[in-house]
Amino acid sequence: MKVSVDQDKCIGSGQCVMLAAAVFDQRDEDGIVVLRDANPPSDLDDDVSEAAQVCPGLAISVED
């Protein structure tokens, strides 16, 4: 799985961090998403996919 984020679309809700903290983080100053792991292990696939689905800004893209 390949993960990418668009920081310009991120609204800082933090849903991604709650679902997959090993893959996503947030900047301290404004809460915008930071990608920690663009190629997470397969055991995180479900969590990362859910994070992409629930992202209110549609800032997360996932490729299989």
PDB file of N, CA and C in Angstrom:
ATOM      1  N   MET A   1       0.837  -1.172   0.000  1.00  0.00           N
ATOM      2  CA  MET A   1       0.000   0.000   0.000  1.00  0.00           C
ATOM      3  C   MET A   1       0.888   1.243   0.000  1.00  0.00           C
ATOM      4  N   LYS A   2       0.521   2.200  -0.837  1.00  0.00           N
ATOM      5  CA  LYS A   2       1.219   3.479  -0.924  1.00  0.00           C
ATOM      6  C   LYS A   2       0.254   4.569  -0.461  1.00  0.00           C
ATOM      7  N   VAL A   3       0.690   5.378   0.486  1.00  0.00           N
ATOM      8  CA  VAL A   3      -0.151   6.418   1.069  1.00  0.00           C
ATOM      9  C   VAL A   3       0.441   7.783   0.736  1.00  0.00           C
ATOM     10  N   SER A   4      -0.429   8.730   0.420  1.00  0.00           N
ATOM     11  CA  SER A   4       0.013  10.107   0.232  1.00  0.00           C
ATOM     12  C   SER A   4      -1.024  11.042   0.852  1.00  0.00           C
ATOM     13  N   VAL A   5      -0.590  12.235   1.192  1.00  0.00           N
ATOM     14  CA  VAL A   5      -1.495  13.227   1.777  1.00  0.00           C
ATOM     15  C   VAL A   5      -1.353  14.544   1.032  1.00  0.00           C
ATOM     16  N   ASP A   6      -2.435  15.287   1.014  1.00  0.00           N
ATOM     17  CA  ASP A   6      -2.441  16.630   0.449  1.00  0.00           C
ATOM     18  C   ASP A   6      -2.671  17.590   1.603  1.00  0.00           C
ATOM     19  N   GLN A   7      -1.612  18.207   2.085  1.00  0.00           N
ATOM     20  CA  GLN A   7      -1.716  19.081   3.241  1.00  0.00           C
ATOM     21  C   GLN A   7      -2.596  20.298   2.970  1.00  0.00           C
ATOM     22  N   ASP A   8      -2.742  20.690   1.714  1.00  0.00           N
ATOM     23  CA  ASP A   8      -3.592  21.832   1.373  1.00  0.00           C
ATOM     24  C   ASP A   8      -5.075  21.522   1.580  1.00  0.00           C
ATOM     25  N   LYS A   9      -5.445  20.244   1.513  1.00  0.00           N
ATOM     26  CA  LYS A   9      -6.841  19.835   1.719  1.00  0.00           C
ATOM     27  C   LYS A   9      -7.158  19.532   3.179  1.00  0.00           C
ATOM     28  N   CYS A  10      -6.143  19.279   3.966  1.00  0.00           N
ATOM     29  CA  CYS A  10      -6.324  18.878   5.361  1.00  0.00           C
ATOM     30  C   CYS A  10      -6.949  20.008   6.182  1.00  0.00           C
ATOM     31  N   ILE A  11      -7.951  19.651   7.003  1.00  0.00           N
ATOM     32  CA  ILE A  11      -8.581  20.636   7.878  1.00  0.00           C
ATOM     33  C   ILE A  11      -8.199  20.417   9.344  1.00  0.00           C
ATOM     34  N   GLY A  12      -7.331  19.433   9.606  1.00  0.00           N
ATOM     35  CA  GLY A  12      -6.808  19.224  10.949  1.00  0.00           C
ATOM     36  C   GLY A  12      -7.738  18.531  11.918  1.00  0.00           C
ATOM     37  N   SER A  13      -8.643  17.712  11.427  1.00  0.00           N
ATOM     38  CA  SER A  13      -9.604  17.054  12.324  1.00  0.00           C
ATOM     39  C   SER A  13      -8.965  15.967  13.188  1.00  0.00           C
ATOM     40  N   GLY A  14      -7.880  15.364  12.711  1.00  0.00           N
ATOM     41  CA  GLY A  14      -7.168  14.360  13.496  1.00  0.00           C
ATOM     42  C   GLY A  14      -7.733  12.954  13.443  1.00  0.00           C
ATOM     43  N   GLN A  15      -8.734  12.718  12.621  1.00  0.00           N
ATOM     44  CA  GLN A  15      -9.312  11.378  12.508  1.00  0.00           C
ATOM     45  C   GLN A  15      -8.263  10.358  12.081  1.00  0.00           C
ATOM     46  N   CYS A  16      -7.396  10.745  11.176  1.00  0.00           N
ATOM     47  CA  CYS A  16      -6.368   9.833  10.671  1.00  0.00           C
ATOM     48  C   CYS A  16      -5.409   9.410  11.786  1.00  0.00           C
ATOM     49  N   VAL A  17      -5.045  10.345  12.634  1.00  0.00           N
ATOM     50  CA  VAL A  17      -4.117  10.046  13.729  1.00  0.00           C
ATOM     51  C   VAL A  17      -4.769   9.091  14.727  1.00  0.00           C
ATOM     52  N   MET A  18      -6.036   9.298  14.999  1.00  0.00           N
ATOM     53  CA  MET A  18      -6.739   8.408  15.930  1.00  0.00           C
ATOM     54  C   MET A  18      -6.835   6.986  15.385  1.00  0.00           C
ATOM     55  N   LEU A  19      -6.931   6.858  14.070  1.00  0.00           N
ATOM     56  CA  LEU A  19      -7.069   5.536  13.466  1.00  0.00           C
ATOM     57  C   LEU A  19      -5.732   4.862  13.175  1.00  0.00           C
ATOM     58  N   ALA A  20      -4.720   5.622  12.831  1.00  0.00           N
ATOM     59  CA  ALA A  20      -3.439   5.038  12.419  1.00  0.00           C
ATOM     60  C   ALA A  20      -2.286   5.958  12.806  1.00  0.00           C
ATOM     61  N   ALA A  21      -2.005   6.033  14.090  1.00  0.00           N
ATOM     62  CA  ALA A  21      -0.959   6.934  14.592  1.00  0.00           C
ATOM     63  C   ALA A  21       0.437   6.555  14.121  1.00  0.00           C
ATOM     64  N   ALA A  22       0.635   5.321  13.713  1.00  0.00           N
ATOM     65  CA  ALA A  22       1.938   4.908  13.201  1.00  0.00           C
ATOM     66  C   ALA A  22       2.186   5.464  11.797  1.00  0.00           C
ATOM     67  N   VAL A  23       1.113   5.861  11.131  1.00  0.00           N
ATOM     68  CA  VAL A  23       1.210   6.325   9.745  1.00  0.00           C
ATOM     69  C   VAL A  23       1.033   7.835   9.643  1.00  0.00           C
ATOM     70  N   PHE A  24       0.171   8.402  10.484  1.00  0.00           N
ATOM     71  CA  PHE A  24      -0.149   9.830  10.416  1.00  0.00           C
ATOM     72  C   PHE A  24       0.173  10.541  11.723  1.00  0.00           C
ATOM     73  N   ASP A  25       0.526  11.802  11.604  1.00  0.00           N
ATOM     74  CA  ASP A  25       0.725  12.663  12.759  1.00  0.00           C
ATOM     75  C   ASP A  25       0.168  14.027  12.369  1.00  0.00           C
ATOM     76  N   GLN A  26       0.227  14.983  13.291  1.00  0.00           N
ATOM     77  CA  GLN A  26      -0.229  16.333  13.011  1.00  0.00           C
ATOM     78  C   GLN A  26       0.838  17.337  13.424  1.00  0.00           C
ATOM     79  N   ARG A  27       0.949  18.412  12.646  1.00  0.00           N
ATOM     80  CA  ARG A  27       1.872  19.481  13.011  1.00  0.00           C
ATOM     81  C   ARG A  27       1.364  20.156  14.281  1.00  0.00           C
ATOM     82  N   ASP A  28       2.285  20.476  15.159  1.00  0.00           N
ATOM     83  CA  ASP A  28       1.917  21.110  16.430  1.00  0.00           C
ATOM     84  C   ASP A  28       1.276  22.486  16.237  1.00  0.00           C
ATOM     85  N   GLU A  29       1.775  23.245  15.283  1.00  0.00           N
ATOM     86  CA  GLU A  29       1.326  24.624  15.147  1.00  0.00           C
ATOM     87  C   GLU A  29      -0.083  24.782  14.585  1.00  0.00           C
ATOM     88  N   ASP A  30      -0.541  23.834  13.739  1.00  0.00           N
ATOM     89  CA  ASP A  30      -1.859  24.026  13.125  1.00  0.00           C
ATOM     90  C   ASP A  30      -2.675  22.748  12.950  1.00  0.00           C
ATOM     91  N   GLY A  31      -2.144  21.613  13.351  1.00  0.00           N
ATOM     92  CA  GLY A  31      -2.891  20.359  13.276  1.00  0.00           C
ATOM     93  C   GLY A  31      -2.957  19.716  11.908  1.00  0.00           C
ATOM     94  N   ILE A  32      -2.262  20.267  10.944  1.00  0.00           N
ATOM     95  CA  ILE A  32      -2.274  19.703   9.595  1.00  0.00           C
ATOM     96  C   ILE A  32      -1.547  18.354   9.584  1.00  0.00           C
ATOM     97  N   VAL A  33      -2.062  17.434   8.789  1.00  0.00           N
ATOM     98  CA  VAL A  33      -1.540  16.070   8.729  1.00  0.00           C
ATOM     99  C   VAL A  33      -0.076  16.043   8.285  1.00  0.00           C
ATOM    100  N   VAL A  34       0.650  15.101   8.888  1.00  0.00           N
ATOM    101  CA  VAL A  34       2.026  14.796   8.505  1.00  0.00           C
ATOM    102  C   VAL A  34       2.076  13.294   8.260  1.00  0.00           C
ATOM    103  N   LEU A  35       2.586  12.897   7.126  1.00  0.00           N
ATOM    104  CA  LEU A  35       2.702  11.484   6.792  1.00  0.00           C
ATOM    105  C   LEU A  35       3.973  10.921   7.398  1.00  0.00           C
ATOM    106  N   ARG A  36       3.825   9.960   8.282  1.00  0.00           N
ATOM    107  CA  ARG A  36       4.972   9.360   8.962  1.00  0.00           C
ATOM    108  C   ARG A  36       5.519   8.163   8.188  1.00  0.00           C
ATOM    109  N   ASP A  37       4.643   7.469   7.448  1.00  0.00           N
ATOM    110  CA  ASP A  37       5.059   6.254   6.751  1.00  0.00           C
ATOM    111  C   ASP A  37       4.257   6.120   5.463  1.00  0.00           C
ATOM    112  N   ALA A  38       4.889   6.373   4.323  1.00  0.00           N
ATOM    113  CA  ALA A  38       4.210   6.308   3.028  1.00  0.00           C
ATOM    114  C   ALA A  38       3.968   4.878   2.562  1.00  0.00           C
ATOM    115  N   ASN A  39       4.681   3.923   3.159  1.00  0.00           N
ATOM    116  CA  ASN A  39       4.529   2.508   2.802  1.00  0.00           C
ATOM    117  C   ASN A  39       4.367   1.685   4.081  1.00  0.00           C
ATOM    118  N   PRO A  40       3.218   1.831   4.739  1.00  0.00           N
ATOM    119  CA  PRO A  40       3.025   1.139   6.019  1.00  0.00           C
ATOM    120  C   PRO A  40       2.926  -0.374   5.847  1.00  0.00           C
ATOM    121  N   PRO A  41       3.210  -1.118   6.908  1.00  0.00           N
ATOM    122  CA  PRO A  41       3.089  -2.574   6.839  1.00  0.00           C
ATOM    123  C   PRO A  41       1.644  -2.987   6.573  1.00  0.00           C
ATOM    124  N   SER A  42       1.488  -4.135   5.973  1.00  0.00           N
ATOM    125  CA  SER A  42       0.159  -4.588   5.545  1.00  0.00           C
ATOM    126  C   SER A  42      -0.820  -4.781   6.697  1.00  0.00           C
ATOM    127  N   ASP A  43      -0.332  -4.986   7.904  1.00  0.00           N
ATOM    128  CA  ASP A  43      -1.262  -5.149   9.024  1.00  0.00           C
ATOM    129  C   ASP A  43      -1.983  -3.845   9.368  1.00  0.00           C
ATOM    130  N   LEU A  44      -1.558  -2.719   8.786  1.00  0.00           N
ATOM    131  CA  LEU A  44      -2.223  -1.440   8.999  1.00  0.00           C
ATOM    132  C   LEU A  44      -3.145  -1.046   7.842  1.00  0.00           C
ATOM    133  N   ASP A  45      -3.260  -1.896   6.838  1.00  0.00           N
ATOM    134  CA  ASP A  45      -4.062  -1.574   5.654  1.00  0.00           C
ATOM    135  C   ASP A  45      -5.487  -1.148   6.000  1.00  0.00           C
ATOM    136  N   ASP A  46      -6.156  -1.896   6.852  1.00  0.00           N
ATOM    137  CA  ASP A  46      -7.547  -1.578   7.193  1.00  0.00           C
ATOM    138  C   ASP A  46      -7.656  -0.228   7.885  1.00  0.00           C
ATOM    139  N   ASP A  47      -6.754   0.041   8.816  1.00  0.00           N
ATOM    140  CA  ASP A  47      -6.792   1.312   9.541  1.00  0.00           C
ATOM    141  C   ASP A  47      -6.506   2.493   8.619  1.00  0.00           C
ATOM    142  N   VAL A  48      -5.536   2.335   7.740  1.00  0.00           N
ATOM    143  CA  VAL A  48      -5.186   3.410   6.805  1.00  0.00           C
ATOM    144  C   VAL A  48      -6.325   3.646   5.811  1.00  0.00           C
ATOM    145  N   SER A  49      -6.927   2.583   5.321  1.00  0.00           N
ATOM    146  CA  SER A  49      -8.054   2.721   4.399  1.00  0.00           C
ATOM    147  C   SER A  49      -9.225   3.430   5.067  1.00  0.00           C
ATOM    148  N   GLU A  50      -9.496   3.075   6.310  1.00  0.00           N
ATOM    149  CA  GLU A  50     -10.575   3.737   7.039  1.00  0.00           C
ATOM    150  C   GLU A  50     -10.258   5.210   7.263  1.00  0.00           C
ATOM    151  N   ALA A  51      -9.010   5.512   7.587  1.00  0.00           N
ATOM    152  CA  ALA A  51      -8.603   6.907   7.771  1.00  0.00           C
ATOM    153  C   ALA A  51      -8.850   7.719   6.503  1.00  0.00           C
ATOM    154  N   ALA A  52      -8.532   7.146   5.355  1.00  0.00           N
ATOM    155  CA  ALA A  52      -8.760   7.831   4.083  1.00  0.00           C
ATOM    156  C   ALA A  52     -10.254   8.043   3.840  1.00  0.00           C
ATOM    157  N   GLN A  53     -11.059   7.059   4.194  1.00  0.00           N
ATOM    158  CA  GLN A  53     -12.505   7.150   3.972  1.00  0.00           C
ATOM    159  C   GLN A  53     -13.172   8.186   4.866  1.00  0.00           C
ATOM    160  N   VAL A  54     -12.722   8.317   6.103  1.00  0.00           N
ATOM    161  CA  VAL A  54     -13.379   9.232   7.041  1.00  0.00           C
ATOM    162  C   VAL A  54     -12.783  10.635   7.041  1.00  0.00           C
ATOM    163  N   CYS A  55     -11.706  10.847   6.310  1.00  0.00           N
ATOM    164  CA  CYS A  55     -11.067  12.169   6.272  1.00  0.00           C
ATOM    165  C   CYS A  55     -12.049  13.202   5.708  1.00  0.00           C
ATOM    166  N   PRO A  56     -12.443  14.200   6.512  1.00  0.00           N
ATOM    167  CA  PRO A  56     -13.421  15.177   6.027  1.00  0.00           C
ATOM    168  C   PRO A  56     -12.892  16.089   4.921  1.00  0.00           C
ATOM    169  N   GLY A  57     -11.590  16.238   4.823  1.00  0.00           N
ATOM    170  CA  GLY A  57     -11.003  17.071   3.776  1.00  0.00           C
ATOM    171  C   GLY A  57     -10.586  16.293   2.544  1.00  0.00           C
ATOM    172  N   LEU A  58     -10.776  14.965   2.586  1.00  0.00           N
ATOM    173  CA  LEU A  58     -10.348  14.085   1.486  1.00  0.00           C
ATOM    174  C   LEU A  58      -8.879  14.295   1.159  1.00  0.00           C
ATOM    175  N   ALA A  59      -8.079  14.429   2.201  1.00  0.00           N
ATOM    176  CA  ALA A  59      -6.652  14.743   2.045  1.00  0.00           C
ATOM    177  C   ALA A  59      -5.760  13.519   1.932  1.00  0.00           C
ATOM    178  N   ILE A  60      -6.318  12.316   2.112  1.00  0.00           N
ATOM    179  CA  ILE A  60      -5.511  11.092   2.115  1.00  0.00           C
ATOM    180  C   ILE A  60      -5.829  10.265   0.873  1.00  0.00           C
ATOM    181  N   SER A  61      -4.777   9.855   0.167  1.00  0.00           N
ATOM    182  CA  SER A  61      -4.912   8.974  -1.006  1.00  0.00           C
ATOM    183  C   SER A  61      -4.190   7.667  -0.712  1.00  0.00           C
ATOM    184  N   VAL A  62      -4.820   6.572  -1.133  1.00  0.00           N
ATOM    185  CA  VAL A  62      -4.258   5.241  -0.906  1.00  0.00           C
ATOM    186  C   VAL A  62      -4.249   4.486  -2.225  1.00  0.00           C
ATOM    187  N   GLU A  63      -3.111   3.899  -2.543  1.00  0.00           N
ATOM    188  CA  GLU A  63      -2.979   3.045  -3.726  1.00  0.00           C
ATOM    189  C   GLU A  63      -2.556   1.663  -3.263  1.00  0.00           C
ATOM    190  N   ASP A  64      -3.182   0.653  -3.834  1.00  0.00           N
ATOM    191  CA  ASP A  64      -2.827  -0.731  -3.465  1.00  0.00           C
ATOM    192  C   ASP A  64      -1.586  -1.215  -4.154  1.00  0.00           C
TER     193      ASP A  64
END
